[in-house]
Amino acid sequence: MISLYLGAIEAGGTKFVCAVGGENGEVYERVTFATKNPSETMEEVVQFFKSHKLKAIGIGSFGPVDLDRTSPTYGYITSTPKLNWSNFPFVEEIKKHFNVPIGFDTDVNAAALGELLWGAAKGETGCIYMTVGTGIGVGAVIEGELLHGLSHPEMGHILIRRHPDDPFAGSCPFHQDCLEGLASGPAIEKRWGKKGAELADRPEVWELEAFYLAQAVANYILILSPRKVILGGGVMKQPQLLPLVRQKVVHLLNGYVQHEAILHRIDEYIVSPGLGDNAGICGALALAKRAMEQ
């Protein structure tokens, strides 16, 4: 019987997943509930964890978040459009109830770390994890370290070339036709008038989606040179999409990056999550493990 657990919180704009697990990514128990206002949501989080003995907690959160440990707002969700969550002191609130080490990062950085330790990038020194769903987010681990800087990566909002035959204006409230504005799930629905799941038999939908996603992946490869590229999220569950993205990335790079992984093993380099839909919650366990070790 394991008496001490790692706690994990995958905090999303629409739902929270909380779990307890072990140091090798095992999930022993989990709950999922809708994201409400902070006080109601935190009450559910605390109630779940209070019935377990924890040695650390990891939080992978929707953002933007403040990851600067010298900042007075470290551990906050900052300028999110999510109602009532702007400037919410997430880490501080958890600390009120649990006197254990707390790891805190973006949901996609957490997922990248989880995939590195236990998933599709296991054995590598780094990877990027891209989720394509309600929004687009990308996390990165480079030479074993989570990528931070002035803030944290916002690679879902990069500017890309528009397809000459795409009249859609874009759906991002900040940048309109950035990557997220052109290729997220809501962008697909607004452009075509149906959800992606209802468009599976429309090849032109996925050709255009791959056109945008491949540009982003090619840019990430050129800038970060990741050891592995992992593409997850609801939109990527369309089975025809990943092969199209691979094909277009090779075409865009045009032989410039002379590496076997891209020239001859692209199917092993750009891959689906090894942890499947558990990438986020296992990533939060990985953050808890790191917090405990550090």
C-alpha atoms as a PDB file:
ATOM      1  CA  MET A   1       0.000   0.000   0.000  1.00  0.00           C
ATOM      2  CA  ILE A   2       1.466   3.343  -1.065  1.00  0.00           C
ATOM      3  CA  SER A   3       0.914   5.923   1.643  1.00  0.00           C
ATOM      4  CA  LEU A   4       2.479   9.003   0.054  1.00  0.00           C
ATOM      5  CA  TYR A   5       1.416  10.196  -3.366  1.00  0.00           C
ATOM      6  CA  LEU A   6       2.251  12.853  -5.904  1.00  0.00           C
ATOM      7  CA  GLY A   7      -0.664  15.180  -6.607  1.00  0.00           C
ATOM      8  CA  ALA A   8      -1.359  16.473 -10.119  1.00  0.00           C
ATOM      9  CA  ILE A   9      -3.600  19.256 -11.398  1.00  0.00           C
ATOM     10  CA  GLU A  10      -4.262  19.732 -15.097  1.00  0.00           C
ATOM     11  CA  ALA A  11      -6.039  23.079 -15.090  1.00  0.00           C
ATOM     12  CA  GLY A  12      -7.928  23.817 -18.289  1.00  0.00           C
ATOM     13  CA  GLY A  13     -10.224  26.622 -19.282  1.00  0.00           C
ATOM     14  CA  THR A  14     -13.178  24.243 -19.553  1.00  0.00           C
ATOM     15  CA  LYS A  15     -12.263  21.425 -17.155  1.00  0.00           C
ATOM     16  CA  PHE A  16      -9.913  20.528 -14.316  1.00  0.00           C
ATOM     17  CA  VAL A  17      -8.383  17.078 -13.940  1.00  0.00           C
ATOM     18  CA  CYS A  18      -6.923  16.193 -10.533  1.00  0.00           C
ATOM     19  CA  ALA A  19      -5.069  12.967  -9.847  1.00  0.00           C
ATOM     20  CA  VAL A  20      -2.797  11.203  -7.419  1.00  0.00           C
ATOM     21  CA  GLY A  21      -0.027   9.008  -8.735  1.00  0.00           C
ATOM     22  CA  GLY A  22       3.477   7.676  -8.398  1.00  0.00           C
ATOM     23  CA  GLU A  23       6.981   8.721  -9.364  1.00  0.00           C
ATOM     24  CA  ASN A  24       6.935   6.765 -12.620  1.00  0.00           C
ATOM     25  CA  GLY A  25       3.868   8.450 -14.018  1.00  0.00           C
ATOM     26  CA  GLU A  26       1.313   5.976 -12.691  1.00  0.00           C
ATOM     27  CA  VAL A  27      -2.157   7.456 -12.140  1.00  0.00           C
ATOM     28  CA  TYR A  28      -3.923   5.768  -9.203  1.00  0.00           C
ATOM     29  CA  GLU A  29      -7.014   7.920  -8.900  1.00  0.00           C
ATOM     30  CA  ARG A  30      -8.438  10.897 -10.744  1.00  0.00           C
ATOM     31  CA  VAL A  31     -11.425  13.200 -10.892  1.00  0.00           C
ATOM     32  CA  THR A  32     -12.618  15.571 -13.612  1.00  0.00           C
ATOM     33  CA  PHE A  33     -14.920  18.527 -13.102  1.00  0.00           C
ATOM     34  CA  ALA A  34     -15.964  21.646 -14.999  1.00  0.00           C
ATOM     35  CA  THR A  35     -13.939  24.826 -14.534  1.00  0.00           C
ATOM     36  CA  LYS A  36     -16.176  27.180 -12.584  1.00  0.00           C
ATOM     37  CA  ASN A  37     -15.172  30.345 -10.751  1.00  0.00           C
ATOM     38  CA  PRO A  38     -11.937  30.089  -8.729  1.00  0.00           C
ATOM     39  CA  SER A  39     -13.520  29.658  -5.288  1.00  0.00           C
ATOM     40  CA  GLU A  40     -15.828  26.821  -6.369  1.00  0.00           C
ATOM     41  CA  THR A  41     -13.135  25.128  -8.419  1.00  0.00           C
ATOM     42  CA  MET A  42     -10.512  25.335  -5.690  1.00  0.00           C
ATOM     43  CA  GLU A  43     -12.961  23.906  -3.186  1.00  0.00           C
ATOM     44  CA  GLU A  44     -13.310  20.794  -5.364  1.00  0.00           C
ATOM     45  CA  VAL A  45      -9.531  20.557  -5.841  1.00  0.00           C
ATOM     46  CA  VAL A  46      -8.825  20.794  -2.110  1.00  0.00           C
ATOM     47  CA  GLN A  47     -11.540  18.280  -1.205  1.00  0.00           C
ATOM     48  CA  PHE A  48     -10.093  15.713  -3.596  1.00  0.00           C
ATOM     49  CA  PHE A  49      -6.515  16.021  -2.325  1.00  0.00           C
ATOM     50  CA  LYS A  50      -7.410  16.211   1.371  1.00  0.00           C
ATOM     51  CA  SER A  51      -8.294  12.514   1.352  1.00  0.00           C
ATOM     52  CA  HIS A  52      -4.723  11.617   0.293  1.00  0.00           C
ATOM     53  CA  LYS A  53      -1.293  11.983   1.841  1.00  0.00           C
ATOM     54  CA  LEU A  54       0.816  14.004  -0.582  1.00  0.00           C
ATOM     55  CA  LYS A  55       4.555  14.591  -0.836  1.00  0.00           C
ATOM     56  CA  ALA A  56       4.372  17.155  -3.691  1.00  0.00           C
ATOM     57  CA  ILE A  57       1.865  18.714  -6.082  1.00  0.00           C
ATOM     58  CA  GLY A  58       2.357  19.617  -9.724  1.00  0.00           C
ATOM     59  CA  ILE A  59       0.170  22.142 -11.540  1.00  0.00           C
ATOM     60  CA  GLY A  60       0.008  22.408 -15.319  1.00  0.00           C
ATOM     61  CA  SER A  61      -2.230  25.403 -15.985  1.00  0.00           C
ATOM     62  CA  PHE A  62      -3.914  27.273 -18.782  1.00  0.00           C
ATOM     63  CA  GLY A  63      -2.395  30.695 -19.111  1.00  0.00           C
ATOM     64  CA  PRO A  64      -0.856  33.076 -19.467  1.00  0.00           C
ATOM     65  CA  VAL A  65       0.867  32.447 -16.129  1.00  0.00           C
ATOM     66  CA  ASP A  66       3.741  34.063 -14.221  1.00  0.00           C
ATOM     67  CA  LEU A  67       6.684  31.636 -13.899  1.00  0.00           C
ATOM     68  CA  ASP A  68       9.275  34.148 -12.664  1.00  0.00           C
ATOM     69  CA  ARG A  69      10.154  33.060  -9.121  1.00  0.00           C
ATOM     70  CA  THR A  70      11.456  36.558  -8.316  1.00  0.00           C
ATOM     71  CA  SER A  71       8.138  38.153  -9.297  1.00  0.00           C
ATOM     72  CA  PRO A  72       5.542  39.201  -6.682  1.00  0.00           C
ATOM     73  CA  THR A  73       2.927  37.484  -8.861  1.00  0.00           C
ATOM     74  CA  TYR A  74       4.809  34.188  -9.304  1.00  0.00           C
ATOM     75  CA  GLY A  75       2.310  31.346  -9.533  1.00  0.00           C
ATOM     76  CA  TYR A  76      -0.523  33.547 -10.805  1.00  0.00           C
ATOM     77  CA  ILE A  77      -2.738  33.054 -13.811  1.00  0.00           C
ATOM     78  CA  THR A  78      -2.348  36.522 -15.326  1.00  0.00           C
ATOM     79  CA  SER A  79      -4.136  38.065 -18.309  1.00  0.00           C
ATOM     80  CA  THR A  80      -6.428  35.203 -19.255  1.00  0.00           C
ATOM     81  CA  PRO A  81      -9.757  36.020 -20.920  1.00  0.00           C
ATOM     82  CA  LYS A  82     -11.305  33.234 -18.800  1.00  0.00           C
ATOM     83  CA  LEU A  83     -13.936  34.969 -16.671  1.00  0.00           C
ATOM     84  CA  ASN A  84     -12.938  35.528 -12.994  1.00  0.00           C
ATOM     85  CA  TRP A  85      -9.533  33.817 -13.375  1.00  0.00           C
ATOM     86  CA  SER A  86      -7.475  36.865 -14.342  1.00  0.00           C
ATOM     87  CA  ASN A  87      -4.742  37.557 -11.740  1.00  0.00           C
ATOM     88  CA  PHE A  88      -5.629  34.455  -9.739  1.00  0.00           C
ATOM     89  CA  PRO A  89      -2.854  33.401  -7.255  1.00  0.00           C
ATOM     90  CA  PHE A  90      -2.971  29.692  -8.082  1.00  0.00           C
ATOM     91  CA  VAL A  91       0.150  28.481  -6.243  1.00  0.00           C
ATOM     92  CA  GLU A  92      -0.563  30.671  -3.213  1.00  0.00           C
ATOM     93  CA  GLU A  93      -4.075  29.241  -2.952  1.00  0.00           C
ATOM     94  CA  ILE A  94      -2.806  25.641  -3.026  1.00  0.00           C
ATOM     95  CA  LYS A  95      -0.133  26.484  -0.433  1.00  0.00           C
ATOM     96  CA  LYS A  96      -2.838  27.586   1.999  1.00  0.00           C
ATOM     97  CA  HIS A  97      -3.993  23.989   2.233  1.00  0.00           C
ATOM     98  CA  PHE A  98      -0.928  21.832   1.519  1.00  0.00           C
ATOM     99  CA  ASN A  99       2.532  22.302   2.994  1.00  0.00           C
ATOM    100  CA  VAL A 100       4.406  20.386   0.280  1.00  0.00           C
ATOM    101  CA  PRO A 101       6.679  21.331  -2.658  1.00  0.00           C
ATOM    102  CA  ILE A 102       4.652  22.679  -5.598  1.00  0.00           C
ATOM    103  CA  GLY A 103       5.700  22.552  -9.243  1.00  0.00           C
ATOM    104  CA  PHE A 104       4.000  25.075 -11.506  1.00  0.00           C
ATOM    105  CA  ASP A 105       4.133  25.581 -15.271  1.00  0.00           C
ATOM    106  CA  THR A 106       1.960  25.870 -18.350  1.00  0.00           C
ATOM    107  CA  ASP A 107      -0.196  22.903 -19.282  1.00  0.00           C
ATOM    108  CA  VAL A 108       1.773  22.332 -22.497  1.00  0.00           C
ATOM    109  CA  ASN A 109       5.198  22.615 -20.825  1.00  0.00           C
ATOM    110  CA  ALA A 110       3.947  20.043 -18.321  1.00  0.00           C
ATOM    111  CA  ALA A 111       2.785  17.745 -21.124  1.00  0.00           C
ATOM    112  CA  ALA A 112       6.175  18.084 -22.852  1.00  0.00           C
ATOM    113  CA  LEU A 113       7.918  17.066 -19.622  1.00  0.00           C
ATOM    114  CA  GLY A 114       5.573  14.111 -19.135  1.00  0.00           C
ATOM    115  CA  GLU A 115       6.214  12.900 -22.687  1.00  0.00           C
ATOM    116  CA  LEU A 116       9.954  13.264 -22.130  1.00  0.00           C
ATOM    117  CA  LEU A 117       9.957  11.201 -18.937  1.00  0.00           C
ATOM    118  CA  TRP A 118       7.401   8.529 -19.773  1.00  0.00           C
ATOM    119  CA  GLY A 119       5.995   9.005 -23.275  1.00  0.00           C
ATOM    120  CA  ALA A 120       6.961   9.416 -26.914  1.00  0.00           C
ATOM    121  CA  ALA A 121      10.217  11.279 -26.137  1.00  0.00           C
ATOM    122  CA  LYS A 122      11.447   8.919 -23.410  1.00  0.00           C
ATOM    123  CA  GLY A 123      15.229   8.559 -23.654  1.00  0.00           C
ATOM    124  CA  GLU A 124      15.664  11.906 -25.438  1.00  0.00           C
ATOM    125  CA  THR A 125      17.059  15.081 -23.883  1.00  0.00           C
ATOM    126  CA  GLY A 126      14.218  17.264 -25.109  1.00  0.00           C
ATOM    127  CA  CYS A 127      11.047  17.590 -27.159  1.00  0.00           C
ATOM    128  CA  ILE A 128       8.216  19.913 -28.016  1.00  0.00           C
ATOM    129  CA  TYR A 129       4.568  19.138 -27.338  1.00  0.00           C
ATOM    130  CA  MET A 130       1.916  20.885 -29.404  1.00  0.00           C
ATOM    131  CA  THR A 131      -1.774  20.657 -28.624  1.00  0.00           C
ATOM    132  CA  VAL A 132      -4.303  21.583 -31.303  1.00  0.00           C
ATOM    133  CA  GLY A 133      -7.795  21.877 -29.887  1.00  0.00           C
ATOM    134  CA  THR A 134      -9.890  24.688 -28.418  1.00  0.00           C
ATOM    135  CA  GLY A 135      -6.672  26.686 -28.636  1.00  0.00           C
ATOM    136  CA  ILE A 136      -3.152  25.922 -29.812  1.00  0.00           C
ATOM    137  CA  GLY A 137      -0.334  25.716 -27.295  1.00  0.00           C
ATOM    138  CA  VAL A 138       3.238  24.471 -27.466  1.00  0.00           C
ATOM    139  CA  GLY A 139       5.557  23.479 -24.634  1.00  0.00           C
ATOM    140  CA  ALA A 140       9.237  22.701 -24.904  1.00  0.00           C
ATOM    141  CA  VAL A 141      11.956  20.878 -23.005  1.00  0.00           C
ATOM    142  CA  ILE A 142      15.428  21.724 -24.321  1.00  0.00           C
ATOM    143  CA  GLU A 143      18.402  19.692 -23.062  1.00  0.00           C
ATOM    144  CA  GLY A 144      16.404  18.580 -20.053  1.00  0.00           C
ATOM    145  CA  GLU A 145      15.149  22.042 -19.063  1.00  0.00           C
ATOM    146  CA  LEU A 146      11.657  23.468 -19.475  1.00  0.00           C
ATOM    147  CA  LEU A 147      11.780  26.456 -21.808  1.00  0.00           C
ATOM    148  CA  HIS A 148      11.210  29.775 -20.043  1.00  0.00           C
ATOM    149  CA  GLY A 149      12.431  33.251 -20.813  1.00  0.00           C
ATOM    150  CA  LEU A 150      10.907  36.695 -20.463  1.00  0.00           C
ATOM    151  CA  SER A 151       7.716  34.725 -19.852  1.00  0.00           C
ATOM    152  CA  HIS A 152       6.852  31.304 -21.237  1.00  0.00           C
ATOM    153  CA  PRO A 153       6.502  30.167 -24.853  1.00  0.00           C
ATOM    154  CA  GLU A 154       3.355  31.292 -26.670  1.00  0.00           C
ATOM    155  CA  MET A 155       4.065  29.377 -29.855  1.00  0.00           C
ATOM    156  CA  GLY A 156       0.386  28.915 -30.616  1.00  0.00           C
ATOM    157  CA  HIS A 157       0.205  32.580 -31.555  1.00  0.00           C
ATOM    158  CA  ILE A 158       3.028  32.779 -34.092  1.00  0.00           C
ATOM    159  CA  LEU A 159       2.344  34.556 -37.375  1.00  0.00           C
ATOM    160  CA  ILE A 160       2.332  32.337 -40.442  1.00  0.00           C
ATOM    161  CA  ARG A 161       1.736  32.711 -44.178  1.00  0.00           C
ATOM    162  CA  ARG A 162      -1.911  32.637 -45.166  1.00  0.00           C
ATOM    163  CA  HIS A 163      -3.041  30.230 -47.851  1.00  0.00           C
ATOM    164  CA  PRO A 164      -3.815  32.308 -50.981  1.00  0.00           C
ATOM    165  CA  ASP A 165      -7.225  30.625 -51.349  1.00  0.00           C
ATOM    166  CA  ASP A 166      -8.296  30.990 -47.708  1.00  0.00           C
ATOM    167  CA  PRO A 167     -10.667  33.953 -47.241  1.00  0.00           C
ATOM    168  CA  PHE A 168     -11.234  33.246 -43.522  1.00  0.00           C
ATOM    169  CA  ALA A 169     -10.261  36.296 -41.449  1.00  0.00           C
ATOM    170  CA  GLY A 170      -9.152  34.303 -38.388  1.00  0.00           C
ATOM    171  CA  SER A 171     -10.653  33.871 -34.940  1.00  0.00           C
ATOM    172  CA  CYS A 172      -8.001  34.940 -32.412  1.00  0.00           C
ATOM    173  CA  PRO A 173      -9.316  37.867 -30.312  1.00  0.00           C
ATOM    174  CA  PHE A 174      -5.767  39.231 -29.970  1.00  0.00           C
ATOM    175  CA  HIS A 175      -4.119  38.618 -33.365  1.00  0.00           C
ATOM    176  CA  GLN A 176      -6.992  37.493 -35.619  1.00  0.00           C
ATOM    177  CA  ASP A 177      -5.041  35.372 -38.138  1.00  0.00           C
ATOM    178  CA  CYS A 178      -2.188  33.974 -36.057  1.00  0.00           C
ATOM    179  CA  LEU A 179      -1.720  30.186 -35.977  1.00  0.00           C
ATOM    180  CA  GLU A 180      -4.418  29.698 -33.330  1.00  0.00           C
ATOM    181  CA  GLY A 181      -6.746  32.035 -35.194  1.00  0.00           C
ATOM    182  CA  LEU A 182      -6.392  30.006 -38.394  1.00  0.00           C
ATOM    183  CA  ALA A 183      -5.948  26.410 -37.248  1.00  0.00           C
ATOM    184  CA  SER A 184      -7.562  25.815 -33.818  1.00  0.00           C
ATOM    185  CA  GLY A 185     -10.750  23.787 -33.437  1.00  0.00           C
ATOM    186  CA  PRO A 186     -12.948  26.916 -33.213  1.00  0.00           C
ATOM    187  CA  ALA A 187     -11.221  28.322 -36.319  1.00  0.00           C
ATOM    188  CA  ILE A 188     -12.072  25.156 -38.259  1.00  0.00           C
ATOM    189  CA  GLU A 189     -15.696  25.370 -37.122  1.00  0.00           C
ATOM    190  CA  LYS A 190     -16.053  29.070 -37.985  1.00  0.00           C
ATOM    191  CA  ARG A 191     -14.420  28.652 -41.388  1.00  0.00           C
ATOM    192  CA  TRP A 192     -16.348  25.573 -42.507  1.00  0.00           C
ATOM    193  CA  GLY A 193     -19.561  25.896 -40.487  1.00  0.00           C
ATOM    194  CA  LYS A 194     -19.160  22.510 -38.810  1.00  0.00           C
ATOM    195  CA  LYS A 195     -16.974  20.985 -36.105  1.00  0.00           C
ATOM    196  CA  GLY A 196     -13.862  19.148 -37.259  1.00  0.00           C
ATOM    197  CA  ALA A 197     -15.329  15.779 -36.275  1.00  0.00           C
ATOM    198  CA  GLU A 198     -18.141  16.360 -38.789  1.00  0.00           C
ATOM    199  CA  LEU A 199     -15.689  17.180 -41.598  1.00  0.00           C
ATOM    200  CA  ALA A 200     -13.676  13.950 -41.614  1.00  0.00           C
ATOM    201  CA  ASP A 201     -14.630  13.144 -45.224  1.00  0.00           C
ATOM    202  CA  ARG A 202     -13.661  16.593 -46.579  1.00  0.00           C
ATOM    203  CA  PRO A 203     -10.000  16.322 -47.723  1.00  0.00           C
ATOM    204  CA  GLU A 204      -9.779  20.059 -48.461  1.00  0.00           C
ATOM    205  CA  VAL A 205     -10.348  20.779 -44.751  1.00  0.00           C
ATOM    206  CA  TRP A 206      -7.341  18.735 -43.677  1.00  0.00           C
ATOM    207  CA  GLU A 207      -5.105  19.876 -46.529  1.00  0.00           C
ATOM    208  CA  LEU A 208      -5.621  23.454 -45.348  1.00  0.00           C
ATOM    209  CA  GLU A 209      -5.195  22.525 -41.682  1.00  0.00           C
ATOM    210  CA  ALA A 210      -1.926  20.727 -42.473  1.00  0.00           C
ATOM    211  CA  PHE A 211      -0.786  23.728 -44.542  1.00  0.00           C
ATOM    212  CA  TYR A 212      -0.915  25.887 -41.414  1.00  0.00           C
ATOM    213  CA  LEU A 213       0.286  23.362 -38.837  1.00  0.00           C
ATOM    214  CA  ALA A 214       3.252  22.285 -40.980  1.00  0.00           C
ATOM    215  CA  GLN A 215       4.454  25.880 -41.252  1.00  0.00           C
ATOM    216  CA  ALA A 216       4.413  26.135 -37.477  1.00  0.00           C
ATOM    217  CA  VAL A 217       6.235  22.831 -36.965  1.00  0.00           C
ATOM    218  CA  ALA A 218       8.873  23.759 -39.574  1.00  0.00           C
ATOM    219  CA  ASN A 219       9.455  27.050 -37.752  1.00  0.00           C
ATOM    220  CA  TYR A 220       9.799  25.284 -34.388  1.00  0.00           C
ATOM    221  CA  ILE A 221      12.322  22.869 -35.915  1.00  0.00           C
ATOM    222  CA  LEU A 222      14.358  25.734 -37.369  1.00  0.00           C
ATOM    223  CA  ILE A 223      14.308  27.762 -34.142  1.00  0.00           C
ATOM    224  CA  LEU A 224      14.489  25.153 -31.369  1.00  0.00           C
ATOM    225  CA  SER A 225      15.864  22.057 -33.125  1.00  0.00           C
ATOM    226  CA  PRO A 226      13.796  19.742 -30.883  1.00  0.00           C
ATOM    227  CA  ARG A 227      14.778  16.094 -30.474  1.00  0.00           C
ATOM    228  CA  LYS A 228      11.159  15.016 -30.992  1.00  0.00           C
ATOM    229  CA  VAL A 229       7.961  16.744 -32.133  1.00  0.00           C
ATOM    230  CA  ILE A 230       4.755  15.530 -30.474  1.00  0.00           C
ATOM    231  CA  LEU A 231       1.359  16.638 -31.782  1.00  0.00           C
ATOM    232  CA  GLY A 232      -1.715  16.115 -29.586  1.00  0.00           C
ATOM    233  CA  GLY A 233      -5.124  17.619 -28.877  1.00  0.00           C
ATOM    234  CA  GLY A 234      -8.593  16.936 -30.229  1.00  0.00           C
ATOM    235  CA  VAL A 235      -7.988  18.199 -33.772  1.00  0.00           C
ATOM    236  CA  MET A 236      -4.995  15.873 -34.200  1.00  0.00           C
ATOM    237  CA  LYS A 237      -7.269  12.848 -33.652  1.00  0.00           C
ATOM    238  CA  GLN A 238      -8.226  13.061 -37.325  1.00  0.00           C
ATOM    239  CA  PRO A 239      -6.085  10.158 -38.608  1.00  0.00           C
ATOM    240  CA  GLN A 240      -5.392  11.773 -41.997  1.00  0.00           C
ATOM    241  CA  LEU A 241      -3.876  14.920 -40.455  1.00  0.00           C
ATOM    242  CA  LEU A 242      -0.561  13.757 -38.987  1.00  0.00           C
ATOM    243  CA  PRO A 243       0.709  12.168 -42.249  1.00  0.00           C
ATOM    244  CA  LEU A 244      -0.177  15.365 -44.119  1.00  0.00           C
ATOM    245  CA  VAL A 245       1.709  17.504 -41.600  1.00  0.00           C
ATOM    246  CA  ARG A 246       4.798  15.297 -41.862  1.00  0.00           C
ATOM    247  CA  GLN A 247       4.725  15.439 -45.659  1.00  0.00           C
ATOM    248  CA  LYS A 248       4.376  19.216 -45.732  1.00  0.00           C
ATOM    249  CA  VAL A 249       7.107  19.772 -43.112  1.00  0.00           C
ATOM    250  CA  VAL A 250       9.576  17.809 -45.250  1.00  0.00           C
ATOM    251  CA  HIS A 251       8.526  19.838 -48.286  1.00  0.00           C
ATOM    252  CA  LEU A 252       8.904  23.174 -46.440  1.00  0.00           C
ATOM    253  CA  LEU A 253      12.339  22.348 -45.029  1.00  0.00           C
ATOM    254  CA  ASN A 254      13.395  21.250 -48.531  1.00  0.00           C
ATOM    255  CA  GLY A 255      16.493  19.359 -47.432  1.00  0.00           C
ATOM    256  CA  TYR A 256      17.965  22.277 -45.519  1.00  0.00           C
ATOM    257  CA  VAL A 257      18.082  20.476 -42.158  1.00  0.00           C
ATOM    258  CA  GLN A 258      20.379  17.594 -42.993  1.00  0.00           C
ATOM    259  CA  HIS A 259      19.420  15.109 -40.315  1.00  0.00           C
ATOM    260  CA  GLU A 260      18.335  11.498 -40.632  1.00  0.00           C
ATOM    261  CA  ALA A 261      15.305  12.105 -38.406  1.00  0.00           C
ATOM    262  CA  ILE A 262      13.851  14.535 -40.938  1.00  0.00           C
ATOM    263  CA  LEU A 263      15.235  13.160 -44.191  1.00  0.00           C
ATOM    264  CA  HIS A 264      14.501   9.468 -43.598  1.00  0.00           C
ATOM    265  CA  ARG A 265      12.645   8.949 -40.294  1.00  0.00           C
ATOM    266  CA  ILE A 266      10.009  11.663 -40.255  1.00  0.00           C
ATOM    267  CA  ASP A 267       7.367   9.135 -39.110  1.00  0.00           C
ATOM    268  CA  GLU A 268       9.411   8.555 -35.956  1.00  0.00           C
ATOM    269  CA  TYR A 269      10.266  12.230 -35.459  1.00  0.00           C
ATOM    270  CA  ILE A 270       6.836  13.900 -35.699  1.00  0.00           C
ATOM    271  CA  VAL A 271       4.566  11.666 -33.628  1.00  0.00           C
ATOM    272  CA  SER A 272       1.401  11.388 -31.553  1.00  0.00           C
ATOM    273  CA  PRO A 273       1.630  11.542 -27.740  1.00  0.00           C
ATOM    274  CA  GLY A 274       2.919   8.332 -26.204  1.00  0.00           C
ATOM    275  CA  LEU A 275       0.794   9.095 -23.146  1.00  0.00           C
ATOM    276  CA  GLY A 276      -2.326   9.742 -25.229  1.00  0.00           C
ATOM    277  CA  ASP A 277      -4.910  11.820 -23.405  1.00  0.00           C
ATOM    278  CA  ASN A 278      -2.874  11.410 -20.174  1.00  0.00           C
ATOM    279  CA  ALA A 279      -0.056  13.673 -21.381  1.00  0.00           C
ATOM    280  CA  GLY A 280      -1.341  16.653 -19.387  1.00  0.00           C
ATOM    281  CA  ILE A 281      -2.046  14.910 -16.093  1.00  0.00           C
ATOM    282  CA  CYS A 282       1.158  12.839 -16.282  1.00  0.00           C
ATOM    283  CA  GLY A 283       2.980  16.076 -17.035  1.00  0.00           C
ATOM    284  CA  ALA A 284       1.595  17.546 -13.818  1.00  0.00           C
ATOM    285  CA  LEU A 285       2.890  14.455 -11.972  1.00  0.00           C
ATOM    286  CA  ALA A 286       6.273  15.127 -13.591  1.00  0.00           C
ATOM    287  CA  LEU A 287       6.202  18.714 -12.286  1.00  0.00           C
ATOM    288  CA  ALA A 288       5.411  17.372  -8.808  1.00  0.00           C
ATOM    289  CA  LYS A 289       8.296  14.920  -9.039  1.00  0.00           C
ATOM    290  CA  ARG A 290      10.723  17.672 -10.064  1.00  0.00           C
ATOM    291  CA  ALA A 291       9.506  19.971  -7.280  1.00  0.00           C
ATOM    292  CA  MET A 292      10.058  17.201  -4.745  1.00  0.00           C
ATOM    293  CA  GLU A 293      13.551  16.420  -6.051  1.00  0.00           C
ATOM    294  CA  GLN A 294      14.586  20.058  -6.132  1.00  0.00           C
END
